[in-house]
Amino acid sequence: MTIIEVLEQVLDNTEMAYSEATSARENLPDYSANESPKDSINNTESYLDDAIGDLQDLIKKLNNI
């Protein structure tokens, strides 16, 4: 595997993790006791979204070398 292929696989896995985090947040009942887990999931989604953007940018740059 080339480094680009590895990065694309990491990107795919990160996108799947983001999707799972979104599903987890959406499936939590709307109780005040769930606010802390929802906040944690929202933070996780934010970090994953940043990682996805960074990986996409890196893959584009490597493809243009």
PDB file of N, CA and C in Angstrom:
ATOM      1  N   MET A   1       0.836  -1.189   0.000  1.00  0.00           N
ATOM      2  CA  MET A   1       0.000   0.000   0.000  1.00  0.00           C
ATOM      3  C   MET A   1       0.882   1.254   0.000  1.00  0.00           C
ATOM      4  N   THR A   2       0.459   2.206  -0.781  1.00  0.00           N
ATOM      5  CA  THR A   2       1.170   3.477  -0.782  1.00  0.00           C
ATOM      6  C   THR A   2       0.720   4.291   0.429  1.00  0.00           C
ATOM      7  N   ILE A   3       1.463   5.339   0.727  1.00  0.00           N
ATOM      8  CA  ILE A   3       1.096   6.197   1.853  1.00  0.00           C
ATOM      9  C   ILE A   3      -0.264   6.856   1.615  1.00  0.00           C
ATOM     10  N   ILE A   4      -0.562   7.180   0.371  1.00  0.00           N
ATOM     11  CA  ILE A   4      -1.859   7.787   0.053  1.00  0.00           C
ATOM     12  C   ILE A   4      -2.984   6.786   0.311  1.00  0.00           C
ATOM     13  N   GLU A   5      -2.774   5.536  -0.062  1.00  0.00           N
ATOM     14  CA  GLU A   5      -3.796   4.512   0.183  1.00  0.00           C
ATOM     15  C   GLU A   5      -4.017   4.306   1.682  1.00  0.00           C
ATOM     16  N   VAL A   6      -2.945   4.333   2.444  1.00  0.00           N
ATOM     17  CA  VAL A   6      -3.074   4.196   3.896  1.00  0.00           C
ATOM     18  C   VAL A   6      -3.846   5.379   4.471  1.00  0.00           C
ATOM     19  N   LEU A   7      -3.507   6.579   4.016  1.00  0.00           N
ATOM     20  CA  LEU A   7      -4.215   7.770   4.488  1.00  0.00           C
ATOM     21  C   LEU A   7      -5.684   7.736   4.090  1.00  0.00           C
ATOM     22  N   GLU A   8      -5.984   7.241   2.900  1.00  0.00           N
ATOM     23  CA  GLU A   8      -7.381   7.123   2.476  1.00  0.00           C
ATOM     24  C   GLU A   8      -8.131   6.125   3.358  1.00  0.00           C
ATOM     25  N   GLN A   9      -7.459   5.052   3.777  1.00  0.00           N
ATOM     26  CA  GLN A   9      -8.086   4.078   4.675  1.00  0.00           C
ATOM     27  C   GLN A   9      -8.332   4.702   6.049  1.00  0.00           C
ATOM     28  N   VAL A  10      -7.355   5.470   6.529  1.00  0.00           N
ATOM     29  CA  VAL A  10      -7.530   6.178   7.805  1.00  0.00           C
ATOM     30  C   VAL A  10      -8.700   7.155   7.694  1.00  0.00           C
ATOM     31  N   LEU A  11      -8.787   7.847   6.574  1.00  0.00           N
ATOM     32  CA  LEU A  11      -9.893   8.775   6.340  1.00  0.00           C
ATOM     33  C   LEU A  11     -11.228   8.035   6.358  1.00  0.00           C
ATOM     34  N   ASP A  12     -11.311   6.904   5.669  1.00  0.00           N
ATOM     35  CA  ASP A  12     -12.550   6.117   5.661  1.00  0.00           C
ATOM     36  C   ASP A  12     -12.942   5.703   7.076  1.00  0.00           C
ATOM     37  N   ASN A  13     -11.973   5.224   7.850  1.00  0.00           N
ATOM     38  CA  ASN A  13     -12.256   4.803   9.221  1.00  0.00           C
ATOM     39  C   ASN A  13     -12.701   5.978  10.084  1.00  0.00           C
ATOM     40  N   THR A  14     -12.086   7.131   9.882  1.00  0.00           N
ATOM     41  CA  THR A  14     -12.444   8.328  10.642  1.00  0.00           C
ATOM     42  C   THR A  14     -13.857   8.781  10.283  1.00  0.00           C
ATOM     43  N   GLU A  15     -14.201   8.715   8.999  1.00  0.00           N
ATOM     44  CA  GLU A  15     -15.558   9.079   8.575  1.00  0.00           C
ATOM     45  C   GLU A  15     -16.591   8.114   9.160  1.00  0.00           C
ATOM     46  N   MET A  16     -16.251   6.829   9.248  1.00  0.00           N
ATOM     47  CA  MET A  16     -17.172   5.860   9.856  1.00  0.00           C
ATOM     48  C   MET A  16     -17.337   6.138  11.351  1.00  0.00           C
ATOM     49  N   ALA A  17     -16.244   6.482  12.027  1.00  0.00           N
ATOM     50  CA  ALA A  17     -16.311   6.808  13.451  1.00  0.00           C
ATOM     51  C   ALA A  17     -17.179   8.043  13.674  1.00  0.00           C
ATOM     52  N   TYR A  18     -17.038   9.035  12.803  1.00  0.00           N
ATOM     53  CA  TYR A  18     -17.864  10.246  12.888  1.00  0.00           C
ATOM     54  C   TYR A  18     -19.341   9.892  12.735  1.00  0.00           C
ATOM     55  N   SER A  19     -19.647   9.042  11.775  1.00  0.00           N
ATOM     56  CA  SER A  19     -21.025   8.614  11.544  1.00  0.00           C
ATOM     57  C   SER A  19     -21.584   7.875  12.764  1.00  0.00           C
ATOM     58  N   GLU A  20     -20.772   7.015  13.366  1.00  0.00           N
ATOM     59  CA  GLU A  20     -21.205   6.284  14.560  1.00  0.00           C
ATOM     60  C   GLU A  20     -21.445   7.235  15.725  1.00  0.00           C
ATOM     61  N   ALA A  21     -20.585   8.238  15.897  1.00  0.00           N
ATOM     62  CA  ALA A  21     -20.756   9.216  16.964  1.00  0.00           C
ATOM     63  C   ALA A  21     -22.045  10.013  16.761  1.00  0.00           C
ATOM     64  N   THR A  22     -22.314  10.383  15.521  1.00  0.00           N
ATOM     65  CA  THR A  22     -23.550  11.103  15.215  1.00  0.00           C
ATOM     66  C   THR A  22     -24.771  10.242  15.532  1.00  0.00           C
ATOM     67  N   SER A  23     -24.735   8.987  15.138  1.00  0.00           N
ATOM     68  CA  SER A  23     -25.847   8.069  15.428  1.00  0.00           C
ATOM     69  C   SER A  23     -26.037   7.894  16.928  1.00  0.00           C
ATOM     70  N   ALA A  24     -24.934   7.777  17.659  1.00  0.00           N
ATOM     71  CA  ALA A  24     -25.021   7.606  19.111  1.00  0.00           C
ATOM     72  C   ALA A  24     -25.684   8.821  19.754  1.00  0.00           C
ATOM     73  N   ARG A  25     -25.285  10.017  19.332  1.00  0.00           N
ATOM     74  CA  ARG A  25     -25.874  11.241  19.887  1.00  0.00           C
ATOM     75  C   ARG A  25     -27.358  11.320  19.568  1.00  0.00           C
ATOM     76  N   GLU A  26     -27.717  11.013  18.333  1.00  0.00           N
ATOM     77  CA  GLU A  26     -29.108  11.113  17.913  1.00  0.00           C
ATOM     78  C   GLU A  26     -29.996  10.067  18.576  1.00  0.00           C
ATOM     79  N   ASN A  27     -29.413   8.932  18.987  1.00  0.00           N
ATOM     80  CA  ASN A  27     -30.199   7.862  19.593  1.00  0.00           C
ATOM     81  C   ASN A  27     -30.292   7.947  21.108  1.00  0.00           C
ATOM     82  N   LEU A  28     -29.593   8.904  21.722  1.00  0.00           N
ATOM     83  CA  LEU A  28     -29.733   9.077  23.161  1.00  0.00           C
ATOM     84  C   LEU A  28     -31.086   9.712  23.465  1.00  0.00           C
ATOM     85  N   PRO A  29     -31.794   9.182  24.452  1.00  0.00           N
ATOM     86  CA  PRO A  29     -33.065   9.816  24.833  1.00  0.00           C
ATOM     87  C   PRO A  29     -32.817  11.248  25.296  1.00  0.00           C
ATOM     88  N   ASP A  30     -33.810  12.062  25.174  1.00  0.00           N
ATOM     89  CA  ASP A  30     -33.688  13.481  25.510  1.00  0.00           C
ATOM     90  C   ASP A  30     -33.982  13.705  26.992  1.00  0.00           C
ATOM     91  N   TYR A  31     -33.112  13.201  27.840  1.00  0.00           N
ATOM     92  CA  TYR A  31     -33.224  13.392  29.287  1.00  0.00           C
ATOM     93  C   TYR A  31     -32.089  14.290  29.738  1.00  0.00           C
ATOM     94  N   SER A  32     -32.330  15.061  30.781  1.00  0.00           N
ATOM     95  CA  SER A  32     -31.268  15.944  31.280  1.00  0.00           C
ATOM     96  C   SER A  32     -30.068  15.136  31.774  1.00  0.00           C
ATOM     97  N   ALA A  33     -30.279  13.897  32.181  1.00  0.00           N
ATOM     98  CA  ALA A  33     -29.175  13.045  32.636  1.00  0.00           C
ATOM     99  C   ALA A  33     -28.229  12.711  31.491  1.00  0.00           C
ATOM    100  N   ASN A  34     -28.664  12.863  30.273  1.00  0.00           N
ATOM    101  CA  ASN A  34     -27.841  12.534  29.110  1.00  0.00           C
ATOM    102  C   ASN A  34     -27.081  13.736  28.550  1.00  0.00           C
ATOM    103  N   GLU A  35     -27.165  14.877  29.202  1.00  0.00           N
ATOM    104  CA  GLU A  35     -26.501  16.072  28.674  1.00  0.00           C
ATOM    105  C   GLU A  35     -24.987  15.917  28.632  1.00  0.00           C
ATOM    106  N   SER A  36     -24.401  15.347  29.670  1.00  0.00           N
ATOM    107  CA  SER A  36     -22.946  15.179  29.687  1.00  0.00           C
ATOM    108  C   SER A  36     -22.474  14.230  28.585  1.00  0.00           C
ATOM    109  N   PRO A  37     -23.127  13.056  28.426  1.00  0.00           N
ATOM    110  CA  PRO A  37     -22.714  12.204  27.305  1.00  0.00           C
ATOM    111  C   PRO A  37     -22.917  12.879  25.946  1.00  0.00           C
ATOM    112  N   LYS A  38     -24.004  13.635  25.805  1.00  0.00           N
ATOM    113  CA  LYS A  38     -24.230  14.329  24.537  1.00  0.00           C
ATOM    114  C   LYS A  38     -23.129  15.348  24.270  1.00  0.00           C
ATOM    115  N   ASP A  39     -22.709  16.057  25.313  1.00  0.00           N
ATOM    116  CA  ASP A  39     -21.616  17.023  25.147  1.00  0.00           C
ATOM    117  C   ASP A  39     -20.332  16.311  24.716  1.00  0.00           C
ATOM    118  N   SER A  40     -20.062  15.172  25.343  1.00  0.00           N
ATOM    119  CA  SER A  40     -18.861  14.407  24.986  1.00  0.00           C
ATOM    120  C   SER A  40     -18.917  13.933  23.544  1.00  0.00           C
ATOM    121  N   ILE A  41     -20.078  13.464  23.122  1.00  0.00           N
ATOM    122  CA  ILE A  41     -20.234  13.003  21.739  1.00  0.00           C
ATOM    123  C   ILE A  41     -20.099  14.173  20.772  1.00  0.00           C
ATOM    124  N   ASN A  42     -20.673  15.319  21.126  1.00  0.00           N
ATOM    125  CA  ASN A  42     -20.532  16.506  20.277  1.00  0.00           C
ATOM    126  C   ASN A  42     -19.061  16.889  20.130  1.00  0.00           C
ATOM    127  N   ASN A  43     -18.299  16.825  21.223  1.00  0.00           N
ATOM    128  CA  ASN A  43     -16.870  17.135  21.161  1.00  0.00           C
ATOM    129  C   ASN A  43     -16.146  16.120  20.282  1.00  0.00           C
ATOM    130  N   THR A  44     -16.510  14.848  20.431  1.00  0.00           N
ATOM    131  CA  THR A  44     -15.903  13.798  19.613  1.00  0.00           C
ATOM    132  C   THR A  44     -16.170  14.051  18.139  1.00  0.00           C
ATOM    133  N   GLU A  45     -17.411  14.405  17.809  1.00  0.00           N
ATOM    134  CA  GLU A  45     -17.752  14.716  16.414  1.00  0.00           C
ATOM    135  C   GLU A  45     -16.910  15.877  15.895  1.00  0.00           C
ATOM    136  N   SER A  46     -16.713  16.873  16.720  1.00  0.00           N
ATOM    137  CA  SER A  46     -15.934  18.035  16.314  1.00  0.00           C
ATOM    138  C   SER A  46     -14.484  17.648  16.018  1.00  0.00           C
ATOM    139  N   TYR A  47     -13.877  16.858  16.903  1.00  0.00           N
ATOM    140  CA  TYR A  47     -12.498  16.416  16.680  1.00  0.00           C
ATOM    141  C   TYR A  47     -12.401  15.544  15.436  1.00  0.00           C
ATOM    142  N   LEU A  48     -13.360  14.651  15.251  1.00  0.00           N
ATOM    143  CA  LEU A  48     -13.349  13.779  14.075  1.00  0.00           C
ATOM    144  C   LEU A  48     -13.541  14.594  12.798  1.00  0.00           C
ATOM    145  N   ASP A  49     -14.414  15.593  12.850  1.00  0.00           N
ATOM    146  CA  ASP A  49     -14.630  16.448  11.685  1.00  0.00           C
ATOM    147  C   ASP A  49     -13.340  17.185  11.319  1.00  0.00           C
ATOM    148  N   ASP A  50     -12.621  17.680  12.330  1.00  0.00           N
ATOM    149  CA  ASP A  50     -11.331  18.337  12.077  1.00  0.00           C
ATOM    150  C   ASP A  50     -10.336  17.355  11.457  1.00  0.00           C
ATOM    151  N   ALA A  51     -10.291  16.124  11.998  1.00  0.00           N
ATOM    152  CA  ALA A  51      -9.366  15.108  11.482  1.00  0.00           C
ATOM    153  C   ALA A  51      -9.701  14.749  10.040  1.00  0.00           C
ATOM    154  N   ILE A  52     -10.990  14.649   9.737  1.00  0.00           N
ATOM    155  CA  ILE A  52     -11.420  14.340   8.364  1.00  0.00           C
ATOM    156  C   ILE A  52     -10.947  15.436   7.411  1.00  0.00           C
ATOM    157  N   GLY A  53     -11.158  16.683   7.784  1.00  0.00           N
ATOM    158  CA  GLY A  53     -10.711  17.794   6.945  1.00  0.00           C
ATOM    159  C   GLY A  53      -9.210  17.808   6.759  1.00  0.00           C
ATOM    160  N   ASP A  54      -8.471  17.553   7.840  1.00  0.00           N
ATOM    161  CA  ASP A  54      -7.011  17.524   7.748  1.00  0.00           C
ATOM    162  C   ASP A  54      -6.539  16.398   6.829  1.00  0.00           C
ATOM    163  N   LEU A  55      -7.131  15.223   6.969  1.00  0.00           N
ATOM    164  CA  LEU A  55      -6.750  14.086   6.120  1.00  0.00           C
ATOM    165  C   LEU A  55      -7.081  14.359   4.660  1.00  0.00           C
ATOM    166  N   GLN A  56      -8.249  14.940   4.394  1.00  0.00           N
ATOM    167  CA  GLN A  56      -8.617  15.263   3.016  1.00  0.00           C
ATOM    168  C   GLN A  56      -7.621  16.242   2.412  1.00  0.00           C
ATOM    169  N   ASP A  57      -7.237  17.263   3.179  1.00  0.00           N
ATOM    170  CA  ASP A  57      -6.259  18.244   2.695  1.00  0.00           C
ATOM    171  C   ASP A  57      -4.909  17.582   2.416  1.00  0.00           C
ATOM    172  N   LEU A  58      -4.465  16.712   3.330  1.00  0.00           N
ATOM    173  CA  LEU A  58      -3.184  16.031   3.167  1.00  0.00           C
ATOM    174  C   LEU A  58      -3.182  15.126   1.940  1.00  0.00           C
ATOM    175  N   ILE A  59      -4.256  14.390   1.751  1.00  0.00           N
ATOM    176  CA  ILE A  59      -4.361  13.496   0.579  1.00  0.00           C
ATOM    177  C   ILE A  59      -4.326  14.303  -0.709  1.00  0.00           C
ATOM    178  N   LYS A  60      -5.041  15.420  -0.757  1.00  0.00           N
ATOM    179  CA  LYS A  60      -5.019  16.287  -1.952  1.00  0.00           C
ATOM    180  C   LYS A  60      -3.610  16.790  -2.230  1.00  0.00           C
ATOM    181  N   LYS A  61      -2.914  17.244  -1.169  1.00  0.00           N
ATOM    182  CA  LYS A  61      -1.559  17.758  -1.354  1.00  0.00           C
ATOM    183  C   LYS A  61      -0.617  16.662  -1.851  1.00  0.00           C
ATOM    184  N   LEU A  62      -0.739  15.469  -1.278  1.00  0.00           N
ATOM    185  CA  LEU A  62       0.135  14.370  -1.703  1.00  0.00           C
ATOM    186  C   LEU A  62      -0.159  13.935  -3.136  1.00  0.00           C
ATOM    187  N   ASN A  63      -1.411  13.999  -3.544  1.00  0.00           N
ATOM    188  CA  ASN A  63      -1.763  13.641  -4.922  1.00  0.00           C
ATOM    189  C   ASN A  63      -1.209  14.663  -5.913  1.00  0.00           C
ATOM    190  N   ASN A  64      -0.959  15.886  -5.469  1.00  0.00           N
ATOM    191  CA  ASN A  64      -0.463  16.928  -6.373  1.00  0.00           C
ATOM    192  C   ASN A  64       1.058  16.997  -6.419  1.00  0.00           C
ATOM    193  N   ILE A  65       1.728  16.153  -5.668  1.00  0.00           N
ATOM    194  CA  ILE A  65       3.210  16.180  -5.660  1.00  0.00           C
ATOM    195  C   ILE A  65       3.733  15.454  -6.890  1.00  0.00           C
TER     196      ILE A  65
END
